[in-house]
Amino acid sequence: MFSNLMTLLASGGRTVRRARAGLRKFARVEAASITVESVIILPILLFGLMATYTYFEAYRRQSLALKANYAIADYLSRLHSFDRTTLEGLDELFEYMSGTREGSWVRVTVVECNLSPTRCNDEYPRELGKGLSKTSFNSGIYNHTRTTMREYLGPHIPKMYRGEKLIVVETVAKYVPPFPVRWTGIYPRDLVNVTVTSPREYDGLCWKAQPDDCPLPPTS
């Protein structure tokens, strides 16, 4: 019985040695089938390329939308008044600069502090006054009411002094990823940006509904 056990152990040792030798030989062999390797690796490479392109494209569109928002806010801060034609032109300009599809929109709101700084800044919701709120056509949304302005824009607006007016530009760019969601994990989304700026050359921004509205202030 003891001799049978030793024979079995010796046989097992030879099997292990042969297995090790076979593995070492397999590791040294460089021959392969490019067809099999391509079938294995090509889907992984394609998925990596699609995912990488989609991620970088999403960040690029977000950056473009933010820069377009800044450009519109800077332009409005230098105006005394604007009308419907100007607003719709800014909407088209935003779509062009951000590279987005139809459905993107621009909303311009003038906010003022016409109460004490304490009531304008420290209370919640902030007691801010609405000078105007205008939205581009075909947006599917409405102009801000005093309530929605205080609730939604209040966290974005810095503290104000009494009599101060600020221009708030909201933009939404519709982003649709170039590849299906199941391949990249990135869903269609709204790229939302809110910019607050002070008027640069005038005391505020006026809405010109009629040609005689918004006369220029006298110059010294």
Protein backbone atom coordinates (compact mmCIF):
# COMPACT_ATOMS: atom_id res chain seq x y z
CA MET A 1 0.00 0.00 0.00
CA PHE A 2 2.87 2.34 0.85
CA SER A 3 4.51 1.62 -2.49
CA ASN A 4 1.26 2.40 -4.31
CA LEU A 5 1.05 5.74 -2.50
CA MET A 6 4.63 6.62 -3.48
CA THR A 7 3.93 5.65 -7.07
CA LEU A 8 0.85 7.89 -7.10
CA LEU A 9 2.79 10.83 -5.65
CA ALA A 10 5.56 10.37 -8.18
CA SER A 11 3.03 10.25 -10.99
CA GLY A 12 1.41 13.45 -9.70
CA GLY A 13 4.78 15.17 -9.56
CA ARG A 14 5.53 14.24 -13.16
CA THR A 15 2.13 15.62 -14.19
CA VAL A 16 2.81 18.93 -12.46
CA ARG A 17 6.24 19.17 -14.09
CA ARG A 18 4.79 18.45 -17.50
CA ALA A 19 2.10 21.10 -16.93
CA ARG A 20 4.70 23.68 -15.93
CA ALA A 21 6.84 22.85 -18.96
CA GLY A 22 3.78 23.17 -21.19
CA LEU A 23 2.90 26.58 -19.74
CA ARG A 24 6.46 27.85 -20.19
CA LYS A 25 6.45 26.65 -23.78
CA PHE A 26 3.07 28.31 -24.40
CA ALA A 27 4.34 31.60 -22.97
CA ARG A 28 7.32 31.58 -25.37
CA VAL A 29 5.23 30.91 -28.46
CA GLU A 30 4.51 34.09 -30.49
CA ALA A 31 2.41 32.56 -33.24
CA ALA A 32 -1.27 33.56 -33.26
CA SER A 33 -4.32 34.09 -35.44
CA ILE A 34 -4.96 37.76 -36.23
CA THR A 35 -8.58 36.98 -37.07
CA VAL A 36 -9.32 35.61 -33.62
CA GLU A 37 -7.48 38.47 -31.91
CA SER A 38 -9.34 41.04 -34.00
CA VAL A 39 -12.70 39.54 -33.14
CA ILE A 40 -11.82 39.77 -29.45
CA ILE A 41 -10.24 43.23 -29.31
CA LEU A 42 -12.07 45.19 -32.03
CA PRO A 43 -15.38 45.63 -30.14
CA ILE A 44 -13.46 46.85 -27.10
CA LEU A 45 -11.52 49.38 -29.19
CA LEU A 46 -14.69 50.63 -30.90
CA PHE A 47 -16.47 51.03 -27.57
CA GLY A 48 -13.49 52.92 -26.14
CA LEU A 49 -13.36 55.26 -29.13
CA MET A 50 -17.10 55.97 -29.05
CA ALA A 51 -17.15 56.56 -25.30
CA THR A 52 -14.09 58.83 -25.38
CA TYR A 53 -15.42 60.87 -28.29
CA THR A 54 -18.84 61.24 -26.63
CA TYR A 55 -17.37 62.35 -23.28
CA PHE A 56 -15.09 64.95 -24.86
CA GLU A 57 -17.90 66.16 -27.13
CA ALA A 58 -20.23 66.63 -24.15
CA TYR A 59 -17.62 68.72 -22.32
CA ARG A 60 -16.91 70.71 -25.50
CA ARG A 61 -20.59 71.52 -26.00
CA GLN A 62 -20.91 72.54 -22.35
CA SER A 63 -17.94 74.88 -22.77
CA LEU A 64 -19.37 76.36 -25.97
CA ALA A 65 -22.76 76.92 -24.35
CA LEU A 66 -21.16 78.70 -21.38
CA LYS A 67 -19.03 80.95 -23.62
CA ALA A 68 -22.07 81.79 -25.75
CA ASN A 69 -23.96 82.73 -22.60
CA TYR A 70 -21.10 85.00 -21.52
CA ALA A 71 -21.03 86.67 -24.95
CA ILE A 72 -24.77 87.43 -24.86
CA ALA A 73 -24.61 88.75 -21.30
CA ASP A 74 -21.65 90.97 -22.17
CA TYR A 75 -23.47 92.34 -25.23
CA LEU A 76 -26.65 93.12 -23.30
CA SER A 77 -24.69 94.81 -20.52
CA ARG A 78 -23.62 97.48 -23.02
CA LEU A 79 -27.12 98.22 -24.35
CA HIS A 80 -29.68 100.73 -23.16
CA SER A 81 -32.63 98.80 -24.62
CA PHE A 82 -33.50 95.75 -26.68
CA ASP A 83 -36.59 94.51 -28.49
CA ARG A 84 -38.10 91.28 -29.79
CA THR A 85 -35.95 91.29 -32.93
CA THR A 86 -32.79 91.64 -30.86
CA LEU A 87 -33.82 88.84 -28.52
CA GLU A 88 -34.65 86.44 -31.35
CA GLY A 89 -31.36 87.32 -33.02
CA LEU A 90 -29.52 86.52 -29.79
CA ASP A 91 -31.37 83.20 -29.64
CA GLU A 92 -30.15 82.30 -33.15
CA LEU A 93 -26.66 83.51 -32.26
CA PHE A 94 -26.68 81.28 -29.19
CA GLU A 95 -27.69 78.23 -31.23
CA TYR A 96 -24.91 78.97 -33.72
CA MET A 97 -22.19 79.58 -31.12
CA SER A 98 -23.13 76.60 -28.96
CA GLY A 99 -23.61 74.27 -31.94
CA THR A 100 -26.95 73.02 -30.60
CA ARG A 101 -30.22 72.10 -32.23
CA GLU A 102 -33.61 73.74 -32.29
CA GLY A 103 -35.21 73.90 -28.87
CA SER A 104 -32.43 75.90 -27.24
CA TRP A 105 -33.57 79.18 -25.73
CA VAL A 106 -32.50 82.43 -24.10
CA ARG A 107 -34.25 84.26 -21.25
CA VAL A 108 -33.24 87.75 -20.11
CA THR A 109 -34.36 89.10 -16.74
CA VAL A 110 -33.56 92.45 -15.15
CA VAL A 111 -33.50 92.26 -11.35
CA GLU A 112 -33.44 95.28 -9.06
CA CYS A 113 -33.19 95.93 -5.36
CA ASN A 114 -35.88 98.52 -4.65
CA LEU A 115 -36.12 97.83 -0.90
CA SER A 116 -33.60 97.91 1.92
CA PRO A 117 -30.44 95.83 1.40
CA THR A 118 -31.50 93.63 4.33
CA ARG A 119 -34.77 92.65 2.67
CA CYS A 120 -33.06 92.29 -0.72
CA ASN A 121 -30.21 90.11 0.49
CA ASP A 122 -30.79 88.45 3.85
CA GLU A 123 -34.36 87.22 3.75
CA TYR A 124 -35.56 84.07 1.98
CA PRO A 125 -37.03 84.23 -0.52
CA ARG A 126 -35.15 87.42 -1.27
CA GLU A 127 -37.35 90.48 -1.78
CA LEU A 128 -35.98 91.32 -5.21
CA GLY A 129 -37.91 93.37 -7.75
CA LYS A 130 -38.40 92.31 -11.37
CA GLY A 131 -37.69 94.99 -13.95
CA LEU A 132 -38.48 92.74 -16.90
CA SER A 133 -38.26 89.12 -18.01
CA LYS A 134 -38.32 88.14 -21.68
CA THR A 135 -37.91 84.73 -23.29
CA SER A 136 -37.20 83.85 -26.90
CA PHE A 137 -39.98 82.30 -28.97
CA ASN A 138 -40.44 78.52 -29.37
CA SER A 139 -38.84 77.87 -25.99
CA GLY A 140 -41.81 76.19 -24.34
CA ILE A 141 -41.26 78.23 -21.17
CA TYR A 142 -42.63 81.48 -19.82
CA ASN A 143 -41.20 84.74 -18.59
CA HIS A 144 -40.32 84.86 -14.92
CA THR A 145 -42.94 86.03 -12.48
CA ARG A 146 -41.82 87.81 -9.35
CA THR A 147 -42.27 84.56 -7.39
CA THR A 148 -40.36 82.28 -9.78
CA MET A 149 -37.62 84.87 -10.14
CA ARG A 150 -37.08 85.05 -6.39
CA GLU A 151 -37.14 81.29 -5.94
CA TYR A 152 -35.07 80.25 -8.96
CA LEU A 153 -32.73 83.18 -9.57
CA GLY A 154 -32.27 84.21 -5.95
CA PRO A 155 -29.43 81.69 -5.28
CA HIS A 156 -27.55 82.88 -8.40
CA ILE A 157 -27.69 86.62 -7.69
CA PRO A 158 -25.01 88.24 -5.48
CA LYS A 159 -25.86 90.71 -2.75
CA MET A 160 -27.12 94.04 -4.04
CA TYR A 161 -27.32 97.60 -2.75
CA ARG A 162 -30.54 99.58 -2.83
CA GLY A 163 -31.37 100.82 -6.32
CA GLU A 164 -28.94 98.43 -8.04
CA LYS A 165 -30.04 96.62 -11.20
CA LEU A 166 -28.53 93.41 -12.57
CA ILE A 167 -29.00 91.59 -15.87
CA VAL A 168 -29.55 87.84 -15.63
CA VAL A 169 -29.11 85.75 -18.79
CA GLU A 170 -30.36 82.17 -18.73
CA THR A 171 -29.58 79.86 -21.62
CA VAL A 172 -30.45 76.24 -22.30
CA ALA A 173 -28.74 74.25 -25.05
CA LYS A 174 -30.22 70.92 -26.13
CA TYR A 175 -27.46 68.32 -26.32
CA VAL A 176 -27.98 64.96 -28.03
CA PRO A 177 -25.00 62.53 -27.87
CA PRO A 178 -23.75 61.24 -31.23
CA PHE A 179 -23.99 57.57 -30.20
CA PRO A 180 -26.73 55.55 -28.47
CA VAL A 181 -26.96 55.76 -24.70
CA ARG A 182 -26.49 52.01 -24.22
CA TRP A 183 -22.98 52.29 -25.68
CA THR A 184 -21.72 55.36 -23.83
CA GLY A 185 -23.96 55.97 -20.81
CA ILE A 186 -24.48 59.66 -21.71
CA TYR A 187 -28.11 60.69 -22.07
CA PRO A 188 -29.55 63.68 -23.97
CA ARG A 189 -29.63 66.63 -21.63
CA ASP A 190 -30.16 70.37 -21.24
CA LEU A 191 -26.96 72.37 -20.81
CA VAL A 192 -28.16 75.11 -18.45
CA ASN A 193 -26.15 78.25 -17.70
CA VAL A 194 -27.05 81.35 -15.69
CA THR A 195 -24.94 84.51 -15.88
CA VAL A 196 -25.40 87.66 -13.80
CA THR A 197 -23.82 90.90 -14.96
CA SER A 198 -24.06 94.60 -14.16
CA PRO A 199 -25.01 97.21 -16.77
CA ARG A 200 -21.80 98.75 -18.08
CA GLU A 201 -22.77 101.98 -19.85
CA TYR A 202 -26.31 102.68 -18.62
CA ASP A 203 -28.23 102.34 -15.37
CA GLY A 204 -30.31 99.43 -16.60
CA LEU A 205 -31.74 97.56 -19.57
CA CYS A 206 -35.09 98.61 -21.03
CA TRP A 207 -37.53 96.52 -23.07
CA LYS A 208 -38.63 98.33 -26.23
CA ALA A 209 -42.11 97.06 -27.04
CA GLN A 210 -42.94 100.18 -29.08
CA PRO A 211 -40.63 102.43 -31.13
CA ASP A 212 -41.11 105.32 -28.71
CA ASP A 213 -40.28 103.25 -25.64
CA CYS A 214 -36.94 103.53 -23.82
CA PRO A 215 -35.71 107.03 -24.75
CA LEU A 216 -32.00 107.46 -24.26
CA PRO A 217 -31.04 109.33 -21.08
CA PRO A 218 -29.70 112.85 -21.56
CA THR A 219 -25.93 113.11 -21.84
CA SER A 220 -23.92 115.66 -19.91
